[in-house]
C-alpha atoms as a PDB file:
ATOM      1  CA  MET A   1     -18.493  14.470 -17.273  1.00  0.00           C
ATOM      2  CA  ILE A   2     -17.151  17.175 -14.943  1.00  0.00           C
ATOM      3  CA  ALA A   3     -15.035  14.600 -13.088  1.00  0.00           C
ATOM      4  CA  ILE A   4     -13.486  13.338 -16.344  1.00  0.00           C
ATOM      5  CA  GLN A   5     -12.715  16.892 -17.456  1.00  0.00           C
ATOM      6  CA  GLN A   6     -11.032  17.609 -14.115  1.00  0.00           C
ATOM      7  CA  LEU A   7      -9.033  14.379 -14.339  1.00  0.00           C
ATOM      8  CA  LEU A   8      -7.817  15.255 -17.830  1.00  0.00           C
ATOM      9  CA  LEU A   9      -6.670  18.679 -16.594  1.00  0.00           C
ATOM     10  CA  LEU A  10      -4.950  17.118 -13.586  1.00  0.00           C
ATOM     11  CA  GLN A  11      -3.284  14.543 -15.836  1.00  0.00           C
ATOM     12  CA  GLN A  12      -1.578  17.432 -17.608  1.00  0.00           C
ATOM     13  CA  VAL A  13      -0.284  18.603 -14.221  1.00  0.00           C
ATOM     14  CA  ILE A  14       0.870  15.079 -13.270  1.00  0.00           C
ATOM     15  CA  ASP A  15       2.683  14.723 -16.604  1.00  0.00           C
ATOM     16  CA  TYR A  16       4.306  18.153 -16.191  1.00  0.00           C
ATOM     17  CA  ILE A  17       5.586  17.198 -12.725  1.00  0.00           C
ATOM     18  CA  GLU A  18       7.068  13.973 -14.165  1.00  0.00           C
ATOM     19  CA  GLU A  19       8.833  15.888 -16.939  1.00  0.00           C
ATOM     20  CA  HIS A  20      10.209  18.478 -14.492  1.00  0.00           C
ATOM     21  CA  ILE A  21      10.771  16.218 -11.483  1.00  0.00           C
ATOM     22  CA  LYS A  22      14.210  17.720 -10.774  1.00  0.00           C
ATOM     23  CA  ASP A  23      13.189  21.329 -11.434  1.00  0.00           C
ATOM     24  CA  GLU A  24      11.746  23.895  -9.063  1.00  0.00           C
ATOM     25  CA  ILE A  25       7.971  23.660  -9.376  1.00  0.00           C
ATOM     26  CA  ALA A  26       5.782  26.705  -8.741  1.00  0.00           C
ATOM     27  CA  PRO A  27       2.304  25.674  -7.488  1.00  0.00           C
ATOM     28  CA  GLU A  28       0.715  28.817  -8.916  1.00  0.00           C
ATOM     29  CA  SER A  29       1.957  27.899 -12.405  1.00  0.00           C
ATOM     30  CA  LEU A  30       0.339  24.488 -12.120  1.00  0.00           C
ATOM     31  CA  ALA A  31      -2.941  26.101 -11.101  1.00  0.00           C
ATOM     32  CA  THR A  32      -2.735  28.402 -14.132  1.00  0.00           C
ATOM     33  CA  MET A  33      -2.233  25.352 -16.346  1.00  0.00           C
ATOM     34  CA  THR A  34      -5.674  24.063 -15.311  1.00  0.00           C
ATOM     35  CA  GLY A  35      -7.436  27.425 -15.434  1.00  0.00           C
ATOM     36  CA  TYR A  36      -8.432  27.142 -11.771  1.00  0.00           C
ATOM     37  CA  SER A  37      -7.699  29.569  -8.959  1.00  0.00           C
ATOM     38  CA  PRO A  38      -4.884  28.278  -6.717  1.00  0.00           C
ATOM     39  CA  TYR A  39      -7.361  27.589  -3.890  1.00  0.00           C
ATOM     40  CA  HIS A  40      -9.708  25.550  -6.104  1.00  0.00           C
ATOM     41  CA  PHE A  41      -6.803  23.781  -7.817  1.00  0.00           C
ATOM     42  CA  TYR A  42      -5.315  22.609  -4.514  1.00  0.00           C
ATOM     43  CA  ARG A  43      -8.691  21.247  -3.412  1.00  0.00           C
ATOM     44  CA  VAL A  44      -9.327  19.385  -6.690  1.00  0.00           C
ATOM     45  CA  PHE A  45      -5.776  17.992  -6.753  1.00  0.00           C
ATOM     46  CA  GLN A  46      -6.086  16.547  -3.254  1.00  0.00           C
ATOM     47  CA  LYS A  47      -9.574  15.190  -3.969  1.00  0.00           C
ATOM     48  CA  TYR A  48      -8.406  13.056  -6.893  1.00  0.00           C
ATOM     49  CA  THR A  49      -4.875  12.121  -5.837  1.00  0.00           C
ATOM     50  CA  GLY A  50      -5.227  11.803  -2.074  1.00  0.00           C
ATOM     51  CA  TYR A  51      -2.238  14.105  -1.486  1.00  0.00           C
ATOM     52  CA  THR A  52      -1.661  17.804  -1.102  1.00  0.00           C
ATOM     53  CA  LEU A  53       0.217  19.156  -4.112  1.00  0.00           C
ATOM     54  CA  MET A  54       3.647  19.586  -2.530  1.00  0.00           C
ATOM     55  CA  ASP A  55       3.371  16.374  -0.513  1.00  0.00           C
ATOM     56  CA  TYR A  56       2.791  14.576  -3.801  1.00  0.00           C
ATOM     57  CA  VAL A  57       5.741  16.335  -5.474  1.00  0.00           C
ATOM     58  CA  VAL A  58       8.081  15.406  -2.602  1.00  0.00           C
ATOM     59  CA  LYS A  59       6.958  11.761  -2.555  1.00  0.00           C
ATOM     60  CA  ARG A  60       7.232  11.485  -6.312  1.00  0.00           C
ATOM     61  CA  ARG A  61      10.752  12.923  -6.249  1.00  0.00           C
ATOM     62  CA  LEU A  62      11.695  10.374  -3.621  1.00  0.00           C
ATOM     63  CA  GLN A  63      10.383   7.583  -5.827  1.00  0.00           C
ATOM     64  CA  TYR A  64      12.612   8.709  -8.667  1.00  0.00           C
ATOM     65  CA  ALA A  65      15.484   9.092  -6.207  1.00  0.00           C
ATOM     66  CA  LEU A  66      15.057   5.389  -5.384  1.00  0.00           C
ATOM     67  CA  HIS A  67      15.912   4.466  -8.955  1.00  0.00           C
ATOM     68  CA  GLU A  68      19.127   6.457  -8.821  1.00  0.00           C
ATOM     69  CA  LEU A  69      19.962   5.094  -5.380  1.00  0.00           C
ATOM     70  CA  VAL A  70      19.828   1.476  -6.544  1.00  0.00           C
ATOM     71  CA  ASN A  71      22.002   2.368  -9.532  1.00  0.00           C
ATOM     72  CA  GLY A  72      24.821   3.505  -7.279  1.00  0.00           C
ATOM     73  CA  LYS A  73      24.521   7.290  -7.215  1.00  0.00           C
ATOM     74  CA  LYS A  74      25.714   8.901  -3.989  1.00  0.00           C
ATOM     75  CA  VAL A  75      23.011  10.031  -1.566  1.00  0.00           C
ATOM     76  CA  ILE A  76      24.362  13.589  -1.293  1.00  0.00           C
ATOM     77  CA  GLN A  77      24.253  14.000  -5.095  1.00  0.00           C
ATOM     78  CA  ILE A  78      20.721  12.587  -5.264  1.00  0.00           C
ATOM     79  CA  ALA A  79      19.638  14.974  -2.514  1.00  0.00           C
ATOM     80  CA  MET A  80      20.984  17.969  -4.408  1.00  0.00           C
ATOM     81  CA  ASP A  81      19.497  16.826  -7.734  1.00  0.00           C
ATOM     82  CA  TYR A  82      16.010  16.536  -6.269  1.00  0.00           C
ATOM     83  CA  GLY A  83      15.931  19.834  -4.447  1.00  0.00           C
ATOM     84  CA  PHE A  84      16.842  18.803  -0.895  1.00  0.00           C
ATOM     85  CA  GLU A  85      19.246  21.292   0.648  1.00  0.00           C
ATOM     86  CA  THR A  86      21.085  18.807   2.864  1.00  0.00           C
ATOM     87  CA  HIS A  87      21.891  15.118   3.142  1.00  0.00           C
ATOM     88  CA  ALA A  88      20.071  15.090   6.484  1.00  0.00           C
ATOM     89  CA  GLY A  89      16.940  16.705   5.018  1.00  0.00           C
ATOM     90  CA  PHE A  90      16.785  14.123   2.236  1.00  0.00           C
ATOM     91  CA  THR A  91      17.319  11.234   4.651  1.00  0.00           C
ATOM     92  CA  LYS A  92      14.590  12.500   6.983  1.00  0.00           C
ATOM     93  CA  ALA A  93      12.078  12.845   4.125  1.00  0.00           C
ATOM     94  CA  PHE A  94      13.080   9.455   2.734  1.00  0.00           C
ATOM     95  CA  LYS A  95      12.633   7.700   6.071  1.00  0.00           C
ATOM     96  CA  LYS A  96       9.235   9.333   6.576  1.00  0.00           C
ATOM     97  CA  CYS A  97       8.093   8.156   3.135  1.00  0.00           C
ATOM     98  CA  PHE A  98       9.578   4.644   2.998  1.00  0.00           C
ATOM     99  CA  GLY A  99       9.994   3.721   6.656  1.00  0.00           C
ATOM    100  CA  SER A 100      13.773   3.305   6.670  1.00  0.00           C
ATOM    101  CA  PRO A 101      16.857   5.378   5.799  1.00  0.00           C
ATOM    102  CA  PRO A 102      18.324   5.180   2.258  1.00  0.00           C
ATOM    103  CA  SER A 103      21.318   3.114   3.399  1.00  0.00           C
ATOM    104  CA  LEU A 104      19.036   0.310   4.607  1.00  0.00           C
ATOM    105  CA  TYR A 105      16.349   0.576   1.943  1.00  0.00           C
ATOM    106  CA  LYS A 106      18.912   0.383  -0.857  1.00  0.00           C
ATOM    107  CA  ILE A 107      19.225  -3.371  -0.275  1.00  0.00           C
ATOM    108  CA  HIS A 108      15.685  -3.968  -1.546  1.00  0.00           C
ATOM    109  CA  CYS A 109      15.018  -0.970  -3.785  1.00  0.00           C
ATOM    110  CA  PRO A 110      12.683  -1.535  -6.741  1.00  0.00           C
ATOM    111  CA  LYS A 111      14.965  -1.587  -9.763  1.00  0.00           C
ATOM    112  CA  SER A 112      12.505  -0.069 -12.211  1.00  0.00           C
ATOM    113  CA  LEU A 113      11.468   3.551 -12.639  1.00  0.00           C
ATOM    114  CA  PRO A 114       8.157   4.552 -11.032  1.00  0.00           C
ATOM    115  CA  GLN A 115       5.238   3.666 -13.268  1.00  0.00           C
ATOM    116  CA  LYS A 116       3.586   6.443 -15.229  1.00  0.00           C
ATOM    117  CA  LEU A 117       0.401   7.504 -13.479  1.00  0.00           C
ATOM    118  CA  ASP A 118      -2.931   7.410 -15.292  1.00  0.00           C
ATOM    119  CA  LEU A 119      -5.605   9.244 -13.294  1.00  0.00           C
ATOM    120  CA  ILE A 120      -8.452   7.963 -15.479  1.00  0.00           C
ATOM    121  CA  THR A 121      -7.491   4.355 -14.735  1.00  0.00           C
ATOM    122  CA  ILE A 122      -7.118   5.115 -11.039  1.00  0.00           C
ATOM    123  CA  HIS A 123     -10.546   6.748 -11.044  1.00  0.00           C
ATOM    124  CA  GLN A 124     -12.111   3.771 -12.843  1.00  0.00           C
ATOM    125  CA  LYS A 125     -10.665   1.329 -10.309  1.00  0.00           C
ATOM    126  CA  ASN A 126     -12.237   3.463  -7.551  1.00  0.00           C
ATOM    127  CA  ILE A 127      -9.032   3.361  -5.512  1.00  0.00           C
ATOM    128  CA  GLY A 128      -9.627   6.682  -3.789  1.00  0.00           C
ATOM    129  CA  GLY A 129      -6.285   8.238  -4.691  1.00  0.00           C
ATOM    130  CA  ILE A 130      -2.788   7.459  -5.976  1.00  0.00           C
ATOM    131  CA  VAL A 131      -0.986   4.326  -4.746  1.00  0.00           C
ATOM    132  CA  MET A 132       2.658   5.202  -4.252  1.00  0.00           C
ATOM    133  CA  GLN A 133       5.634   2.922  -4.967  1.00  0.00           C
ATOM    134  CA  PRO A 134       5.614   0.152  -2.323  1.00  0.00           C
ATOM    135  CA  MET A 135       8.108  -0.343   0.445  1.00  0.00           C
ATOM    136  CA  ILE A 136      10.236  -3.421  -0.272  1.00  0.00           C
ATOM    137  CA  VAL A 137      11.011  -5.159   3.005  1.00  0.00           C
ATOM    138  CA  LYS A 138      12.599  -8.422   4.091  1.00  0.00           C
ATOM    139  CA  ARG A 139      10.761 -10.151   6.944  1.00  0.00           C
ATOM    140  CA  GLU A 140      12.020 -13.094   8.908  1.00  0.00           C
ATOM    141  CA  ALA A 141       9.631 -15.958   9.606  1.00  0.00           C
ATOM    142  CA  PHE A 142       6.931 -15.202  12.172  1.00  0.00           C
ATOM    143  CA  THR A 143       3.906 -16.953  13.630  1.00  0.00           C
ATOM    144  CA  VAL A 144       0.278 -15.873  13.811  1.00  0.00           C
ATOM    145  CA  ALA A 145      -2.850 -17.489  15.190  1.00  0.00           C
ATOM    146  CA  GLY A 146      -6.533 -16.896  14.682  1.00  0.00           C
ATOM    147  CA  ARG A 147      -9.896 -18.153  13.491  1.00  0.00           C
ATOM    148  CA  THR A 148     -10.518 -19.563  10.020  1.00  0.00           C
ATOM    149  CA  PHE A 149     -13.605 -18.986   7.886  1.00  0.00           C
ATOM    150  CA  GLU A 150     -14.565 -21.137   4.927  1.00  0.00           C
ATOM    151  CA  ILE A 151     -16.800 -19.770   2.192  1.00  0.00           C
ATOM    152  CA  ASN A 152     -17.886 -21.406  -1.052  1.00  0.00           C
ATOM    153  CA  MET A 153     -16.771 -19.381  -4.056  1.00  0.00           C
ATOM    154  CA  GLU A 154     -14.931 -19.817  -7.355  1.00  0.00           C
ATOM    155  CA  ASN A 155     -11.684 -18.608  -8.932  1.00  0.00           C
ATOM    156  CA  VAL A 156      -9.756 -17.891  -5.737  1.00  0.00           C
ATOM    157  CA  SER A 157      -6.232 -16.601  -6.362  1.00  0.00           C
ATOM    158  CA  TYR A 158      -5.279 -13.917  -3.882  1.00  0.00           C
ATOM    159  CA  THR A 159      -6.569 -12.443  -0.656  1.00  0.00           C
ATOM    160  CA  ARG A 160      -8.151  -9.761  -2.840  1.00  0.00           C
ATOM    161  CA  ASP A 161     -10.602 -12.422  -3.995  1.00  0.00           C
ATOM    162  CA  ALA A 162     -12.168 -12.532  -0.527  1.00  0.00           C
ATOM    163  CA  PRO A 163     -15.893 -11.859  -0.555  1.00  0.00           C
ATOM    164  CA  ALA A 164     -17.471  -9.332   1.761  1.00  0.00           C
ATOM    165  CA  ILE A 165     -16.384 -11.436   4.701  1.00  0.00           C
ATOM    166  CA  TRP A 166     -16.682  -8.789   7.374  1.00  0.00           C
ATOM    167  CA  ASP A 167     -20.343  -9.610   7.926  1.00  0.00           C
ATOM    168  CA  GLN A 168     -19.426 -13.111   9.093  1.00  0.00           C
ATOM    169  CA  GLU A 169     -20.494 -13.965  12.628  1.00  0.00           C
ATOM    170  CA  GLY A 170     -17.835 -12.823  15.071  1.00  0.00           C
ATOM    171  CA  LEU A 171     -16.172 -10.358  12.719  1.00  0.00           C
ATOM    172  CA  ALA A 172     -18.938  -7.819  12.249  1.00  0.00           C
ATOM    173  CA  ASP A 173     -19.366  -7.300  16.002  1.00  0.00           C
ATOM    174  CA  GLY A 174     -15.642  -7.495  16.813  1.00  0.00           C
ATOM    175  CA  SER A 175     -16.073 -10.416  19.214  1.00  0.00           C
ATOM    176  CA  ILE A 176     -13.398 -12.598  17.571  1.00  0.00           C
ATOM    177  CA  GLU A 177     -10.941  -9.713  17.502  1.00  0.00           C
ATOM    178  CA  ARG A 178     -11.488  -9.093  21.214  1.00  0.00           C
ATOM    179  CA  PHE A 179     -11.161 -12.808  21.966  1.00  0.00           C
ATOM    180  CA  LEU A 180      -7.826 -13.033  20.125  1.00  0.00           C
ATOM    181  CA  TYR A 181      -6.340 -10.054  21.952  1.00  0.00           C
ATOM    182  CA  ASN A 182      -7.594 -11.222  25.340  1.00  0.00           C
ATOM    183  CA  SER A 183      -6.482 -14.837  24.969  1.00  0.00           C
ATOM    184  CA  LEU A 184      -3.229 -14.432  22.997  1.00  0.00           C
ATOM    185  CA  ALA A 185      -2.041 -11.017  24.269  1.00  0.00           C
ATOM    186  CA  PRO A 186       0.090 -10.114  21.209  1.00  0.00           C
ATOM    187  CA  LYS A 187       2.827  -7.558  21.823  1.00  0.00           C
ATOM    188  CA  LYS A 188       1.577  -5.195  19.122  1.00  0.00           C
ATOM    189  CA  HIS A 189      -1.797  -4.281  17.684  1.00  0.00           C
ATOM    190  CA  GLY A 190      -2.570  -5.510  14.188  1.00  0.00           C
ATOM    191  CA  GLU A 191      -4.715  -8.102  12.435  1.00  0.00           C
ATOM    192  CA  TYR A 192      -3.681 -10.305   9.526  1.00  0.00           C
ATOM    193  CA  CYS A 193      -6.167 -11.502   6.918  1.00  0.00           C
ATOM    194  CA  ILE A 194      -4.642 -14.416   5.001  1.00  0.00           C
ATOM    195  CA  ASN A 195      -5.876 -16.637   2.183  1.00  0.00           C
ATOM    196  CA  LEU A 196      -5.228 -20.287   3.121  1.00  0.00           C
ATOM    197  CA  SER A 197      -7.015 -21.803   0.136  1.00  0.00           C
ATOM    198  CA  PRO A 198      -4.874 -24.474  -1.565  1.00  0.00           C
ATOM    199  CA  SER A 199      -4.066 -23.701  -5.188  1.00  0.00           C
ATOM    200  CA  ALA A 200      -6.141 -26.689  -6.301  1.00  0.00           C
ATOM    201  CA  ALA A 201      -9.254 -25.437  -4.506  1.00  0.00           C
ATOM    202  CA  GLU A 202     -11.323 -23.617  -7.085  1.00  0.00           C
ATOM    203  CA  ASP A 203     -14.644 -23.598  -5.284  1.00  0.00           C
ATOM    204  CA  LYS A 204     -13.926 -22.396  -1.766  1.00  0.00           C
ATOM    205  CA  PHE A 205     -12.124 -19.668   0.124  1.00  0.00           C
ATOM    206  CA  ILE A 206     -10.413 -20.361   3.451  1.00  0.00           C
ATOM    207  CA  TYR A 207      -9.692 -17.119   5.246  1.00  0.00           C
ATOM    208  CA  LEU A 208      -7.590 -16.740   8.410  1.00  0.00           C
ATOM    209  CA  PHE A 209      -8.228 -13.743  10.673  1.00  0.00           C
ATOM    210  CA  ALA A 210      -5.204 -13.647  12.988  1.00  0.00           C
ATOM    211  CA  VAL A 211      -2.860 -11.720  15.269  1.00  0.00           C
ATOM    212  CA  ASP A 212       0.807 -12.193  16.157  1.00  0.00           C
ATOM    213  CA  LEU A 213       1.470 -15.239  18.308  1.00  0.00           C
ATOM    214  CA  VAL A 214       4.081 -14.873  21.028  1.00  0.00           C
ATOM    215  CA  LYS A 215       6.387 -17.891  21.348  1.00  0.00           C
ATOM    216  CA  ASN A 216       5.214 -20.559  23.828  1.00  0.00           C
ATOM    217  CA  THR A 217       1.718 -19.052  24.085  1.00  0.00           C
ATOM    218  CA  SER A 218      -0.849 -21.830  24.521  1.00  0.00           C
ATOM    219  CA  LEU A 219      -3.520 -21.925  21.855  1.00  0.00           C
ATOM    220  CA  PRO A 220      -7.203 -22.093  22.871  1.00  0.00           C
ATOM    221  CA  ASP A 221      -9.409 -24.665  21.150  1.00  0.00           C
ATOM    222  CA  GLY A 222     -10.780 -23.640  17.791  1.00  0.00           C
ATOM    223  CA  LEU A 223      -7.838 -21.436  16.768  1.00  0.00           C
ATOM    224  CA  THR A 224      -5.347 -22.091  13.965  1.00  0.00           C
ATOM    225  CA  ARG A 225      -1.596 -21.518  14.215  1.00  0.00           C
ATOM    226  CA  LEU A 226       0.280 -20.510  11.053  1.00  0.00           C
ATOM    227  CA  GLN A 227       3.998 -19.985  10.464  1.00  0.00           C
ATOM    228  CA  ILE A 228       4.670 -17.321   7.826  1.00  0.00           C
ATOM    229  CA  PRO A 229       8.006 -18.124   6.134  1.00  0.00           C
ATOM    230  CA  SER A 230      10.811 -15.659   5.642  1.00  0.00           C
ATOM    231  CA  ALA A 231      10.207 -13.604   2.500  1.00  0.00           C
ATOM    232  CA  THR A 232      10.716 -10.291   0.769  1.00  0.00           C
ATOM    233  CA  TYR A 233       7.492  -8.274   0.508  1.00  0.00           C
ATOM    234  CA  ALA A 234       6.184  -5.399  -1.534  1.00  0.00           C
ATOM    235  CA  VAL A 235       4.132  -3.454   1.013  1.00  0.00           C
ATOM    236  CA  PHE A 236       1.411  -1.219  -0.408  1.00  0.00           C
ATOM    237  CA  ARG A 237      -0.684   1.284   1.532  1.00  0.00           C
ATOM    238  CA  THR A 238      -4.187   2.051   0.394  1.00  0.00           C
ATOM    239  CA  PRO A 239      -4.856   5.771  -0.128  1.00  0.00           C
ATOM    240  CA  LEU A 240      -6.217   7.708   2.848  1.00  0.00           C
ATOM    241  CA  VAL A 241     -10.019   7.684   2.563  1.00  0.00           C
ATOM    242  CA  GLU A 242     -13.131   8.140   4.689  1.00  0.00           C
ATOM    243  CA  VAL A 243     -14.508   4.944   6.213  1.00  0.00           C
ATOM    244  CA  GLU A 244     -17.380   4.654   3.715  1.00  0.00           C
ATOM    245  CA  LYS A 245     -14.831   4.444   0.866  1.00  0.00           C
ATOM    246  CA  PHE A 246     -12.463   2.043   2.658  1.00  0.00           C
ATOM    247  CA  ALA A 247     -13.731  -1.236   1.158  1.00  0.00           C
ATOM    248  CA  SER A 248     -13.623   0.095  -2.412  1.00  0.00           C
ATOM    249  CA  ALA A 249     -10.132   1.536  -1.813  1.00  0.00           C
ATOM    250  CA  ILE A 250      -8.879  -1.900  -0.742  1.00  0.00           C
ATOM    251  CA  LYS A 251     -10.426  -3.610  -3.758  1.00  0.00           C
ATOM    252  CA  GLY A 252      -9.144  -0.897  -6.103  1.00  0.00           C
ATOM    253  CA  THR A 253      -5.625  -1.112  -4.662  1.00  0.00           C
ATOM    254  CA  TRP A 254      -5.553  -4.872  -5.244  1.00  0.00           C
ATOM    255  CA  LYS A 255      -6.611  -4.301  -8.855  1.00  0.00           C
ATOM    256  CA  TYR A 256      -3.897  -1.673  -9.298  1.00  0.00           C
ATOM    257  CA  ILE A 257      -1.228  -3.979  -7.836  1.00  0.00           C
ATOM    258  CA  LEU A 258      -2.096  -7.012  -9.939  1.00  0.00           C
ATOM    259  CA  GLU A 259      -3.159  -5.295 -13.153  1.00  0.00           C
ATOM    260  CA  ASP A 260      -0.779  -2.295 -13.269  1.00  0.00           C
ATOM    261  CA  TRP A 261       2.142  -2.544 -10.853  1.00  0.00           C
ATOM    262  CA  PHE A 262       3.219  -6.158 -11.326  1.00  0.00           C
ATOM    263  CA  PRO A 263       3.164  -6.140 -15.153  1.00  0.00           C
ATOM    264  CA  GLN A 264       5.441  -3.073 -15.177  1.00  0.00           C
ATOM    265  CA  SER A 265       7.758  -4.184 -12.370  1.00  0.00           C
ATOM    266  CA  SER A 266      10.722  -6.566 -12.355  1.00  0.00           C
ATOM    267  CA  TYR A 267       9.002  -8.785  -9.757  1.00  0.00           C
ATOM    268  CA  GLU A 268       6.636 -11.702  -9.646  1.00  0.00           C
ATOM    269  CA  VAL A 269       4.691 -13.209  -6.747  1.00  0.00           C
ATOM    270  CA  ASP A 270       6.716 -15.607  -4.573  1.00  0.00           C
ATOM    271  CA  GLU A 271       4.282 -18.515  -4.376  1.00  0.00           C
ATOM    272  CA  ALA A 272       6.253 -20.126  -1.526  1.00  0.00           C
ATOM    273  CA  ALA A 273       4.970 -17.495   0.924  1.00  0.00           C
ATOM    274  CA  PHE A 274       1.604 -15.913   1.804  1.00  0.00           C
ATOM    275  CA  ASP A 275       0.122 -12.619   0.688  1.00  0.00           C
ATOM    276  CA  PHE A 276      -1.894 -10.914   3.422  1.00  0.00           C
ATOM    277  CA  GLU A 277      -3.810  -7.815   4.350  1.00  0.00           C
ATOM    278  CA  TYR A 278      -2.691  -6.044   7.517  1.00  0.00           C
ATOM    279  CA  TYR A 279      -4.938  -3.819   9.618  1.00  0.00           C
ATOM    280  CA  ASP A 280      -3.541  -1.807  12.535  1.00  0.00           C
ATOM    281  CA  GLU A 281      -4.744   1.233  14.451  1.00  0.00           C
ATOM    282  CA  HIS A 282      -4.562   3.369  11.285  1.00  0.00           C
ATOM    283  CA  CYS A 283      -7.771   1.741  10.069  1.00  0.00           C
ATOM    284  CA  HIS A 284      -9.684   2.782  13.221  1.00  0.00           C
ATOM    285  CA  HIS A 285     -12.203   5.266  11.861  1.00  0.00           C
ATOM    286  CA  TRP A 286     -13.134   6.259  15.407  1.00  0.00           C
ATOM    287  CA  ASP A 287      -9.580   7.594  15.887  1.00  0.00           C
ATOM    288  CA  TYR A 288      -8.843   8.992  12.424  1.00  0.00           C
ATOM    289  CA  ASP A 289     -10.853  11.041   9.920  1.00  0.00           C
ATOM    290  CA  LYS A 290      -9.214   9.106   7.069  1.00  0.00           C
ATOM    291  CA  ILE A 291      -7.897   5.571   7.279  1.00  0.00           C
ATOM    292  CA  TYR A 292      -5.660   3.100   5.449  1.00  0.00           C
ATOM    293  CA  MET A 293      -4.439  -0.496   5.621  1.00  0.00           C
ATOM    294  CA  GLU A 294      -1.539  -2.413   4.086  1.00  0.00           C
ATOM    295  CA  ILE A 295      -1.310  -5.165   1.509  1.00  0.00           C
ATOM    296  CA  HIS A 296       1.799  -7.354   1.819  1.00  0.00           C
ATOM    297  CA  ILE A 297       2.731  -9.436  -1.223  1.00  0.00           C
ATOM    298  CA  PRO A 298       5.749 -11.799  -1.214  1.00  0.00           C
ATOM    299  CA  ILE A 299       7.912 -11.117  -4.246  1.00  0.00           C
ATOM    300  CA  LYS A 300      10.964 -12.410  -6.082  1.00  0.00           C
ATOM    301  CA  GLU A 301      12.908 -11.188  -9.079  1.00  0.00           C
ATOM    302  CA  ARG A 302      11.288 -12.242 -12.314  1.00  0.00           C
ATOM    303  CA  GLY A 303      13.185 -15.128 -13.818  1.00  0.00           C
END
């Protein structure tokens, strides 16, 4: 009951930020709105959203700035409207948030406004925090290779439908991961988890655990090579969470993407390509207190 009460108070704050996204926002006023001391308010806000207050405000402003960017507004005017003192300051913050400068990102900007955030729904999905607007990126075709796992199950649609596969022999102890890196020597660290189940297969799940394959690398026996076609992807990051909450954050993020983001977006899944989960060093709980991974979903404009 306490958690729900806190979420309802924070929802008022979230809604206020949305309504005043271009205005100067005083953190102390937001704390007063909830009846908490500033110190307690900041702690509760970060606990339920996954962001510090001002980090959230900046990222949310940038998401709204995206909408104006794709509609042709000049970057310098957008920067001024959203409280950035200089063009350079806006560009730096934008690149940090979305991974590329506005001039490049504009090509694949989401055309819709950011979805309204519902903290109760996010809490119920057990995501572990707020999922921000995805990066939209175009990737050329690339090749991966790895080991496949086949598991009997029903109603397979997306990689999110994978069972608790990490206890499979070779995955739980990291032996397959080590084998792939030692034998294939990919140029960068990162593992792909890809659903290979044909659409007609309703009773089994074929799961590829893979790494990048360098051209002309010979493939050891027992490994599968897969060419990922060129596609445009919506790339979502799971919220930063402690390792014990990681699995639920991944599952919750998938639910948010398919049940909330897609229905409100102008995109649909591009069935000609593969969706995949991507795990790099940022999911190493021995290196980081809080971890995240990425979900890449091929998209196309809704017809």
